[in-house]
């Protein structure tokens, strides 16, 4: 189901939409991207790109409607938190752009 040419890790299933999200090492090999596979069609969709930063973690809401992710962009030396409304395609909304990398350990809320 998943391309084995690059490192793939941290899969999480969204049973609401029959999808599996996963992190994949980028083609450049120095940052992680968020991807999803639609289990019905077999289609793989890349959600994040280098401009979003290195995805360090993500979490699905319990109802399967939202996904939150944390990414670090080393050229800007900043973390970014994004929220994705899974009912409205895979558009990323930046919900917080600035906070110290040293002050967060696990920023995602407990309900996510």
Protein backbone atom coordinates (compact mmCIF):
# COMPACT_ATOMS: atom_id res chain seq x y z
CA UNK A 1 0.00 0.00 0.00
CA UNK A 2 2.81 2.43 0.83
CA UNK A 3 5.86 3.32 -1.25
CA UNK A 4 8.88 1.59 0.28
CA UNK A 5 11.50 3.73 -1.45
CA UNK A 6 11.55 6.26 1.42
CA UNK A 7 11.22 5.82 5.16
CA UNK A 8 7.54 5.75 6.20
CA UNK A 9 6.43 5.87 9.84
CA UNK A 10 3.77 6.87 12.38
CA UNK A 11 0.62 5.65 10.57
CA UNK A 12 -2.77 6.63 12.00
CA UNK A 13 -6.12 5.46 10.66
CA UNK A 14 -9.15 7.69 10.21
CA UNK A 15 -11.96 5.16 10.07
CA UNK A 16 -14.50 7.92 9.34
CA UNK A 17 -13.07 8.42 5.85
CA UNK A 18 -11.30 5.06 5.42
CA UNK A 19 -7.91 6.78 5.26
CA UNK A 20 -4.48 6.18 6.76
CA UNK A 21 -2.23 9.16 7.45
CA UNK A 22 1.52 8.66 7.71
CA UNK A 23 4.81 10.52 7.80
CA UNK A 24 7.31 9.99 5.01
CA UNK A 25 10.88 11.14 4.59
CA UNK A 26 10.99 13.70 1.77
CA UNK A 27 12.71 13.08 -1.55
CA UNK A 28 15.39 15.54 -0.39
CA UNK A 29 15.88 13.30 2.65
CA UNK A 30 16.08 15.93 5.37
CA UNK A 31 12.48 16.60 6.45
CA UNK A 32 9.27 14.64 7.01
CA UNK A 33 6.07 15.15 5.07
CA UNK A 34 2.50 14.21 5.98
CA UNK A 35 0.75 11.93 3.49
CA UNK A 36 -2.58 10.13 3.37
CA UNK A 37 -3.73 7.06 1.50
CA UNK A 38 -7.37 6.59 0.63
CA UNK A 39 -7.99 2.90 1.29
CA UNK A 40 -10.95 2.79 -1.12
CA UNK A 41 -9.12 4.18 -4.16
CA UNK A 42 -5.50 3.45 -3.22
CA UNK A 43 -4.62 7.08 -3.99
CA UNK A 44 -1.72 8.65 -2.06
CA UNK A 45 -2.01 12.40 -1.38
CA UNK A 46 0.84 14.57 -0.14
CA UNK A 47 -0.50 17.04 2.42
CA UNK A 48 2.60 18.98 3.50
CA UNK A 49 5.63 20.23 1.59
CA UNK A 50 8.98 21.71 2.53
CA UNK A 51 7.40 25.17 2.91
CA UNK A 52 5.38 23.82 5.88
CA UNK A 53 8.51 22.55 7.62
CA UNK A 54 9.61 19.23 9.07
CA UNK A 55 6.50 17.54 10.49
CA UNK A 56 7.40 16.30 13.95
CA UNK A 57 4.00 15.03 15.08
CA UNK A 58 0.31 15.01 14.20
CA UNK A 59 -2.94 13.88 15.77
CA UNK A 60 -6.47 13.13 14.59
CA UNK A 61 -9.48 14.34 16.55
CA UNK A 62 -11.60 11.58 18.08
CA UNK A 63 -14.47 12.31 15.69
CA UNK A 64 -12.13 12.07 12.67
CA UNK A 65 -13.05 15.55 11.40
CA UNK A 66 -9.79 17.40 12.18
CA UNK A 67 -6.08 16.82 12.11
CA UNK A 68 -3.52 18.95 13.95
CA UNK A 69 0.19 18.88 13.20
CA UNK A 70 3.38 20.46 14.48
CA UNK A 71 6.20 21.27 12.08
CA UNK A 72 9.58 22.94 12.53
CA UNK A 73 11.01 25.12 9.78
CA UNK A 74 14.76 25.35 10.34
CA UNK A 75 15.35 28.24 7.94
CA UNK A 76 12.93 30.34 9.97
CA UNK A 77 13.92 28.68 13.28
CA UNK A 78 10.24 28.49 14.20
CA UNK A 79 7.63 25.89 14.95
CA UNK A 80 4.23 26.09 13.33
CA UNK A 81 0.99 24.42 14.35
CA UNK A 82 -1.50 23.65 11.60
CA UNK A 83 -5.11 22.52 11.73
CA UNK A 84 -6.75 20.67 8.87
CA UNK A 85 -10.51 20.40 8.49
CA UNK A 86 -10.73 16.97 6.85
CA UNK A 87 -14.22 17.69 5.55
CA UNK A 88 -12.83 20.57 3.45
CA UNK A 89 -10.11 18.74 1.55
CA UNK A 90 -6.56 19.04 2.92
CA UNK A 91 -6.18 22.79 3.39
CA UNK A 92 -3.73 23.69 6.17
CA UNK A 93 -4.62 26.54 8.49
CA UNK A 94 -1.79 27.94 10.59
CA UNK A 95 -3.18 28.37 14.09
CA UNK A 96 -0.06 29.55 15.86
CA UNK A 97 3.14 30.68 14.22
CA UNK A 98 5.44 31.64 17.08
CA UNK A 99 6.43 29.83 20.21
CA UNK A 100 9.78 28.74 21.52
CA UNK A 101 10.96 25.34 20.32
CA UNK A 102 12.46 24.84 23.77
CA UNK A 103 9.16 25.40 25.59
CA UNK A 104 7.02 22.75 23.94
CA UNK A 105 7.26 19.04 24.34
CA UNK A 106 3.86 17.83 23.25
CA UNK A 107 1.77 20.81 22.21
CA UNK A 108 -1.22 18.99 20.76
CA UNK A 109 -4.31 19.27 22.99
CA UNK A 110 -5.51 16.13 24.76
CA UNK A 111 -8.71 16.06 22.68
CA UNK A 112 -6.73 15.85 19.43
